[in-house]
C-alpha atoms as a PDB file:
ATOM      1  CA  MET A   1      21.631  36.208  44.363  1.00  0.00           C
ATOM      2  CA  ILE A   2      19.217  37.604  41.788  1.00  0.00           C
ATOM      3  CA  PRO A   3      18.852  35.765  38.456  1.00  0.00           C
ATOM      4  CA  ILE A   4      18.675  37.998  35.393  1.00  0.00           C
ATOM      5  CA  GLN A   5      18.560  35.506  32.522  1.00  0.00           C
ATOM      6  CA  ASP A   6      19.519  31.949  31.605  1.00  0.00           C
ATOM      7  CA  ASN A   7      20.918  30.724  28.316  1.00  0.00           C
ATOM      8  CA  ILE A   8      18.341  28.062  27.458  1.00  0.00           C
ATOM      9  CA  PRO A   9      16.092  29.092  24.550  1.00  0.00           C
ATOM     10  CA  THR A  10      12.494  27.918  24.378  1.00  0.00           C
ATOM     11  CA  LYS A  11      10.881  26.387  21.315  1.00  0.00           C
ATOM     12  CA  ARG A  12       7.446  27.909  21.841  1.00  0.00           C
ATOM     13  CA  PHE A  13       5.795  30.694  23.791  1.00  0.00           C
ATOM     14  CA  PRO A  14       5.401  29.693  27.492  1.00  0.00           C
ATOM     15  CA  ILE A  15       1.708  30.481  27.744  1.00  0.00           C
ATOM     16  CA  VAL A  16       1.172  28.651  31.052  1.00  0.00           C
ATOM     17  CA  THR A  17       4.095  30.386  32.734  1.00  0.00           C
ATOM     18  CA  VAL A  18       2.936  33.769  31.483  1.00  0.00           C
ATOM     19  CA  SER A  19      -0.639  33.036  32.534  1.00  0.00           C
ATOM     20  CA  LEU A  20       0.451  32.069  36.051  1.00  0.00           C
ATOM     21  CA  ILE A  21       2.463  35.281  36.304  1.00  0.00           C
ATOM     22  CA  ALA A  22      -0.496  37.320  35.049  1.00  0.00           C
ATOM     23  CA  ILE A  23      -2.889  35.803  37.592  1.00  0.00           C
ATOM     24  CA  ASN A  24      -0.447  36.364  40.444  1.00  0.00           C
ATOM     25  CA  VAL A  25       0.092  39.977  39.418  1.00  0.00           C
ATOM     26  CA  ALA A  26      -3.653  40.573  39.048  1.00  0.00           C
ATOM     27  CA  VAL A  27      -4.317  39.250  42.553  1.00  0.00           C
ATOM     28  CA  PHE A  28      -1.499  41.395  43.929  1.00  0.00           C
ATOM     29  CA  ILE A  29      -2.940  44.501  42.274  1.00  0.00           C
ATOM     30  CA  TYR A  30      -6.252  43.691  43.943  1.00  0.00           C
ATOM     31  CA  GLU A  31      -4.433  43.391  47.291  1.00  0.00           C
ATOM     32  CA  LEU A  32      -3.048  46.894  46.805  1.00  0.00           C
ATOM     33  CA  THR A  33      -6.602  48.260  46.769  1.00  0.00           C
ATOM     34  CA  LEU A  34      -7.396  46.841  50.211  1.00  0.00           C
ATOM     35  CA  PRO A  35      -6.905  48.811  53.429  1.00  0.00           C
ATOM     36  CA  LYS A  36      -4.678  47.063  55.970  1.00  0.00           C
ATOM     37  CA  PRO A  37      -7.476  45.469  58.080  1.00  0.00           C
ATOM     38  CA  LEU A  38      -9.153  44.031  54.987  1.00  0.00           C
ATOM     39  CA  LEU A  39      -5.817  42.876  53.589  1.00  0.00           C
ATOM     40  CA  GLU A  40      -5.017  40.980  56.777  1.00  0.00           C
ATOM     41  CA  ALA A  41      -8.475  39.420  56.663  1.00  0.00           C
ATOM     42  CA  PHE A  42      -7.870  38.489  53.004  1.00  0.00           C
ATOM     43  CA  PHE A  43      -4.616  36.732  53.960  1.00  0.00           C
ATOM     44  CA  LYS A  44      -6.310  34.769  56.744  1.00  0.00           C
ATOM     45  CA  THR A  45      -9.315  33.871  54.598  1.00  0.00           C
ATOM     46  CA  TYR A  46      -7.563  32.776  51.408  1.00  0.00           C
ATOM     47  CA  GLY A  47      -4.091  31.995  52.721  1.00  0.00           C
ATOM     48  CA  LEU A  48      -3.447  28.472  53.995  1.00  0.00           C
ATOM     49  CA  LEU A  49      -3.651  28.017  57.750  1.00  0.00           C
ATOM     50  CA  PRO A  50      -2.153  24.794  59.149  1.00  0.00           C
ATOM     51  CA  ALA A  51      -5.502  24.390  60.908  1.00  0.00           C
ATOM     52  CA  ASP A  52      -7.146  24.235  57.470  1.00  0.00           C
ATOM     53  CA  ILE A  53      -5.247  21.012  56.764  1.00  0.00           C
ATOM     54  CA  LEU A  54      -6.434  19.514  60.028  1.00  0.00           C
ATOM     55  CA  HIS A  55     -10.019  20.397  59.109  1.00  0.00           C
ATOM     56  CA  GLY A  56      -9.785  19.122  55.530  1.00  0.00           C
ATOM     57  CA  GLN A  57      -9.975  22.585  53.942  1.00  0.00           C
ATOM     58  CA  PHE A  58      -7.516  21.736  51.175  1.00  0.00           C
ATOM     59  CA  GLN A  59      -8.887  24.291  48.705  1.00  0.00           C
ATOM     60  CA  TYR A  60      -6.866  26.974  50.450  1.00  0.00           C
ATOM     61  CA  ILE A  61      -3.681  25.329  49.224  1.00  0.00           C
ATOM     62  CA  PHE A  62      -4.576  26.602  45.763  1.00  0.00           C
ATOM     63  CA  THR A  63      -5.808  30.067  46.716  1.00  0.00           C
ATOM     64  CA  SER A  64      -2.735  30.669  48.874  1.00  0.00           C
ATOM     65  CA  MET A  65      -0.471  30.070  45.867  1.00  0.00           C
ATOM     66  CA  PHE A  66      -1.700  33.264  44.194  1.00  0.00           C
ATOM     67  CA  ILE A  67      -1.353  35.641  47.160  1.00  0.00           C
ATOM     68  CA  HIS A  68       1.759  37.650  47.981  1.00  0.00           C
ATOM     69  CA  GLY A  69       2.761  39.763  50.935  1.00  0.00           C
ATOM     70  CA  GLY A  70       4.559  42.679  49.296  1.00  0.00           C
ATOM     71  CA  TRP A  71       6.489  44.014  46.327  1.00  0.00           C
ATOM     72  CA  GLU A  72       9.672  42.089  47.080  1.00  0.00           C
ATOM     73  CA  HIS A  73       7.680  38.878  47.498  1.00  0.00           C
ATOM     74  CA  ILE A  74       5.797  39.134  44.202  1.00  0.00           C
ATOM     75  CA  ILE A  75       8.728  40.438  42.130  1.00  0.00           C
ATOM     76  CA  GLY A  76      11.134  37.795  43.411  1.00  0.00           C
ATOM     77  CA  ASN A  77       8.725  34.925  42.851  1.00  0.00           C
ATOM     78  CA  MET A  78       7.646  36.037  39.402  1.00  0.00           C
ATOM     79  CA  LEU A  79      11.238  36.631  38.308  1.00  0.00           C
ATOM     80  CA  PHE A  80      12.219  33.090  39.287  1.00  0.00           C
ATOM     81  CA  LEU A  81       9.069  31.667  37.681  1.00  0.00           C
ATOM     82  CA  TRP A  82       9.751  33.447  34.392  1.00  0.00           C
ATOM     83  CA  ILE A  83      13.447  32.580  34.123  1.00  0.00           C
ATOM     84  CA  PHE A  84      13.180  28.921  35.096  1.00  0.00           C
ATOM     85  CA  GLY A  85       9.511  28.095  34.496  1.00  0.00           C
ATOM     86  CA  ASN A  86       9.478  28.780  30.766  1.00  0.00           C
ATOM     87  CA  ASN A  87      12.121  26.112  30.142  1.00  0.00           C
ATOM     88  CA  VAL A  88      10.457  23.503  32.330  1.00  0.00           C
ATOM     89  CA  GLU A  89       7.151  24.216  30.567  1.00  0.00           C
ATOM     90  CA  ASP A  90       8.929  23.838  27.234  1.00  0.00           C
ATOM     91  CA  ALA A  91      10.286  20.453  28.306  1.00  0.00           C
ATOM     92  CA  LEU A  92       7.094  19.065  29.829  1.00  0.00           C
ATOM     93  CA  GLY A  93       4.465  20.627  27.612  1.00  0.00           C
ATOM     94  CA  ARG A  94       1.756  22.983  28.776  1.00  0.00           C
ATOM     95  CA  ILE A  95      -0.756  20.617  30.380  1.00  0.00           C
ATOM     96  CA  LYS A  96       1.845  18.492  32.171  1.00  0.00           C
ATOM     97  CA  PHE A  97       3.657  21.598  33.361  1.00  0.00           C
ATOM     98  CA  LEU A  98       0.499  23.017  34.925  1.00  0.00           C
ATOM     99  CA  PHE A  99      -0.138  19.706  36.694  1.00  0.00           C
ATOM    100  CA  PHE A 100       3.519  19.586  37.790  1.00  0.00           C
ATOM    101  CA  TYR A 101       3.352  23.152  39.133  1.00  0.00           C
ATOM    102  CA  PHE A 102       0.306  22.508  41.312  1.00  0.00           C
ATOM    103  CA  MET A 103       1.630  19.168  42.563  1.00  0.00           C
ATOM    104  CA  CYS A 104       4.796  20.891  43.753  1.00  0.00           C
ATOM    105  CA  GLY A 105       2.707  23.594  45.397  1.00  0.00           C
ATOM    106  CA  ILE A 106       0.646  20.954  47.197  1.00  0.00           C
ATOM    107  CA  ALA A 107       3.763  19.143  48.437  1.00  0.00           C
ATOM    108  CA  ALA A 108       5.216  22.437  49.653  1.00  0.00           C
ATOM    109  CA  ALA A 109       2.045  23.371  51.520  1.00  0.00           C
ATOM    110  CA  LEU A 110       1.695  19.972  53.156  1.00  0.00           C
ATOM    111  CA  LEU A 111       5.274  19.889  54.451  1.00  0.00           C
ATOM    112  CA  GLN A 112       5.129  23.453  55.796  1.00  0.00           C
ATOM    113  CA  SER A 113       1.745  22.807  57.408  1.00  0.00           C
ATOM    114  CA  THR A 114       2.900  19.527  58.954  1.00  0.00           C
ATOM    115  CA  VAL A 115       5.940  21.146  60.556  1.00  0.00           C
ATOM    116  CA  SER A 116       3.847  24.081  61.776  1.00  0.00           C
ATOM    117  CA  ILE A 117       1.279  21.714  63.310  1.00  0.00           C
ATOM    118  CA  MET A 118       4.044  19.772  65.058  1.00  0.00           C
ATOM    119  CA  PHE A 119       5.210  22.992  66.690  1.00  0.00           C
ATOM    120  CA  GLY A 120       1.697  24.145  67.569  1.00  0.00           C
ATOM    121  CA  ASN A 121       1.564  26.994  65.058  1.00  0.00           C
ATOM    122  CA  LEU A 122      -1.928  26.534  63.641  1.00  0.00           C
ATOM    123  CA  TYR A 123      -3.035  30.011  62.620  1.00  0.00           C
ATOM    124  CA  THR A 124      -0.189  31.690  60.742  1.00  0.00           C
ATOM    125  CA  PRO A 125      -1.327  31.927  57.085  1.00  0.00           C
ATOM    126  CA  MET A 126       1.010  30.651  54.399  1.00  0.00           C
ATOM    127  CA  ILE A 127       0.899  32.673  51.187  1.00  0.00           C
ATOM    128  CA  GLY A 128       2.907  32.835  47.979  1.00  0.00           C
ATOM    129  CA  ALA A 129       3.873  30.839  44.916  1.00  0.00           C
ATOM    130  CA  SER A 130       7.386  30.071  46.109  1.00  0.00           C
ATOM    131  CA  GLY A 131       6.619  26.458  47.071  1.00  0.00           C
ATOM    132  CA  ALA A 132       5.483  25.618  43.534  1.00  0.00           C
ATOM    133  CA  ILE A 133       8.328  27.651  42.043  1.00  0.00           C
ATOM    134  CA  SER A 134      10.791  25.738  44.227  1.00  0.00           C
ATOM    135  CA  GLY A 135       9.556  22.615  42.455  1.00  0.00           C
ATOM    136  CA  VAL A 136      10.316  24.296  39.146  1.00  0.00           C
ATOM    137  CA  LEU A 137      13.891  24.855  40.373  1.00  0.00           C
ATOM    138  CA  GLY A 138      14.179  21.203  41.346  1.00  0.00           C
ATOM    139  CA  ALA A 139      13.133  20.178  37.844  1.00  0.00           C
ATOM    140  CA  TYR A 140      15.320  22.769  36.124  1.00  0.00           C
ATOM    141  CA  ILE A 141      18.513  21.658  37.839  1.00  0.00           C
ATOM    142  CA  LYS A 142      17.894  18.110  36.644  1.00  0.00           C
ATOM    143  CA  LEU A 143      16.950  19.090  33.110  1.00  0.00           C
ATOM    144  CA  TYR A 144      19.636  21.721  32.585  1.00  0.00           C
ATOM    145  CA  PRO A 145      22.436  21.298  35.181  1.00  0.00           C
ATOM    146  CA  HIS A 146      25.025  22.833  32.857  1.00  0.00           C
ATOM    147  CA  ALA A 147      22.954  25.845  31.856  1.00  0.00           C
ATOM    148  CA  LYS A 148      24.326  29.269  32.755  1.00  0.00           C
ATOM    149  CA  VAL A 149      22.519  31.890  34.795  1.00  0.00           C
ATOM    150  CA  LEU A 150      23.370  35.568  34.497  1.00  0.00           C
ATOM    151  CA  THR A 151      23.288  36.701  38.114  1.00  0.00           C
ATOM    152  CA  PHE A 152      23.387  39.915  40.111  1.00  0.00           C
ATOM    153  CA  ILE A 153      24.935  39.512  43.556  1.00  0.00           C
ATOM    154  CA  PRO A 154      24.413  42.626  45.717  1.00  0.00           C
ATOM    155  CA  PRO A 155      26.304  44.761  46.515  1.00  0.00           C
ATOM    156  CA  PHE A 156      28.740  44.020  43.676  1.00  0.00           C
ATOM    157  CA  PRO A 157      28.167  46.359  40.683  1.00  0.00           C
ATOM    158  CA  ILE A 158      28.846  43.619  38.110  1.00  0.00           C
ATOM    159  CA  LEU A 159      27.011  40.583  36.747  1.00  0.00           C
ATOM    160  CA  PHE A 160      28.243  37.037  37.235  1.00  0.00           C
ATOM    161  CA  VAL A 161      27.658  33.993  35.023  1.00  0.00           C
ATOM    162  CA  LEU A 162      27.031  30.979  37.240  1.00  0.00           C
ATOM    163  CA  PRO A 163      26.301  27.334  36.407  1.00  0.00           C
ATOM    164  CA  ALA A 164      22.662  26.480  37.090  1.00  0.00           C
ATOM    165  CA  TRP A 165      23.692  23.613  39.377  1.00  0.00           C
ATOM    166  CA  PHE A 166      25.625  26.060  41.553  1.00  0.00           C
ATOM    167  CA  PHE A 167      23.002  28.826  41.554  1.00  0.00           C
ATOM    168  CA  ILE A 168      20.117  26.511  42.431  1.00  0.00           C
ATOM    169  CA  GLY A 169      22.227  24.282  44.671  1.00  0.00           C
ATOM    170  CA  TYR A 170      23.341  27.269  46.740  1.00  0.00           C
ATOM    171  CA  TRP A 171      19.753  28.509  46.888  1.00  0.00           C
ATOM    172  CA  PHE A 172      18.579  25.127  48.205  1.00  0.00           C
ATOM    173  CA  PHE A 173      21.408  25.020  50.740  1.00  0.00           C
ATOM    174  CA  LEU A 174      20.205  28.354  52.139  1.00  0.00           C
ATOM    175  CA  GLN A 175      16.653  27.044  52.453  1.00  0.00           C
ATOM    176  CA  VAL A 176      17.820  24.057  54.485  1.00  0.00           C
ATOM    177  CA  LEU A 177      20.144  26.227  56.587  1.00  0.00           C
ATOM    178  CA  PHE A 178      17.463  28.745  57.503  1.00  0.00           C
ATOM    179  CA  ALA A 179      14.922  25.982  58.139  1.00  0.00           C
ATOM    180  CA  MET A 180      17.325  24.637  60.765  1.00  0.00           C
ATOM    181  CA  ILE A 181      17.937  28.059  62.302  1.00  0.00           C
ATOM    182  CA  VAL A 182      14.556  29.802  62.240  1.00  0.00           C
ATOM    183  CA  PRO A 183      11.860  28.261  64.472  1.00  0.00           C
ATOM    184  CA  PRO A 184       8.662  27.392  62.555  1.00  0.00           C
ATOM    185  CA  THR A 185       6.675  28.989  65.388  1.00  0.00           C
ATOM    186  CA  VAL A 186       7.254  32.455  63.960  1.00  0.00           C
ATOM    187  CA  GLY A 187       5.969  34.001  60.752  1.00  0.00           C
ATOM    188  CA  GLY A 188       8.151  35.046  57.843  1.00  0.00           C
ATOM    189  CA  VAL A 189       9.607  32.902  55.077  1.00  0.00           C
ATOM    190  CA  ALA A 190       8.124  29.398  54.744  1.00  0.00           C
ATOM    191  CA  TRP A 191      11.461  27.600  54.495  1.00  0.00           C
ATOM    192  CA  TYR A 192       9.929  24.117  54.710  1.00  0.00           C
ATOM    193  CA  ALA A 193       7.574  24.950  51.843  1.00  0.00           C
ATOM    194  CA  HIS A 194      10.603  25.735  49.699  1.00  0.00           C
ATOM    195  CA  ILE A 195      12.238  22.456  50.683  1.00  0.00           C
ATOM    196  CA  GLY A 196       9.077  20.419  50.127  1.00  0.00           C
ATOM    197  CA  GLY A 197       8.404  21.976  46.740  1.00  0.00           C
ATOM    198  CA  PHE A 198      11.981  21.486  45.594  1.00  0.00           C
ATOM    199  CA  ILE A 199      12.063  17.815  46.592  1.00  0.00           C
ATOM    200  CA  ALA A 200       8.716  17.229  44.884  1.00  0.00           C
ATOM    201  CA  GLY A 201       9.980  18.820  41.677  1.00  0.00           C
ATOM    202  CA  TRP A 202      13.232  16.870  41.867  1.00  0.00           C
ATOM    203  CA  TYR A 203      11.398  13.536  41.881  1.00  0.00           C
ATOM    204  CA  LEU A 204       8.340  14.416  39.797  1.00  0.00           C
ATOM    205  CA  ILE A 205      10.414  15.447  36.807  1.00  0.00           C
ATOM    206  CA  ASP A 206      11.767  11.895  36.547  1.00  0.00           C
ATOM    207  CA  LEU A 207       8.222  10.558  36.371  1.00  0.00           C
ATOM    208  CA  MET A 208       6.949  13.123  33.896  1.00  0.00           C
ATOM    209  CA  TYR A 209       9.922  13.658  31.583  1.00  0.00           C
ATOM    210  CA  SER A 210      13.226  12.088  30.588  1.00  0.00           C
ATOM    211  CA  PRO A 211      16.141  14.495  31.287  1.00  0.00           C
ATOM    212  CA  LYS A 212      18.071  12.838  28.448  1.00  0.00           C
ATOM    213  CA  LYS A 213      15.895  14.706  25.954  1.00  0.00           C
ATOM    214  CA  ALA A 214      16.526  18.130  27.454  1.00  0.00           C
ATOM    215  CA  LYS A 215      18.435  20.426  25.140  1.00  0.00           C
ATOM    216  CA  VAL A 216      21.330  22.225  26.804  1.00  0.00           C
ATOM    217  CA  VAL A 217      22.869  25.292  25.172  1.00  0.00           C
ATOM    218  CA  HIS A 218      26.354  26.006  26.427  1.00  0.00           C
ATOM    219  CA  TYR A 219      27.270  29.525  27.446  1.00  0.00           C
ATOM    220  CA  SER A 220      29.877  29.824  24.701  1.00  0.00           C
ATOM    221  CA  THR A 221      27.141  29.558  22.073  1.00  0.00           C
ATOM    222  CA  ALA A 222      24.420  31.572  23.760  1.00  0.00           C
ATOM    223  CA  ARG A 223      23.812  35.304  23.830  1.00  0.00           C
ATOM    224  CA  TYR A 224      22.331  37.339  26.657  1.00  0.00           C
END
């Protein structure tokens, strides 16, 4: 499922969300200039290796959050960050949202690294912003469970309007399902990072903001 737009307006320009997107895109453009051997070295140097956690090299948690492995990876992550991040930033405020974002990214990296270490996979680099963005989804579903998400579901040639609780809930179900199916000894999607980030966002939002204050705009009164 591909989100196109939600129906929750923001009160002010989401400068942190836009800045995060801009930095991610800038790093990706730099990656495009690298020949394959240098790109692979870039991933291993600035991506997060589970071995880095064992050796106390925690700085790579942050660098890994701005690296992406291809067009589909960067476009998908930035689309989710834009649609759901701007509302969470609006609810939390800019400084708290930035702190929230990185805390979710840290939780995601630590869970994925822990599972990888348990299975002896120490040197597969983890890259991407999806762990932090998963935390944004966890917060969004609590803040705006009755929001509507305009959604494209391939291969159907029409758009669907889905409740946010269903869209995000189904997304999280898939993360858990694939985490159970796909061994963490192979590369690919960091399913446990998605789960860890989501759970962190789910609980952090209660500490940083009261969902009672979140403004929900029903689909009947919103325009796409």
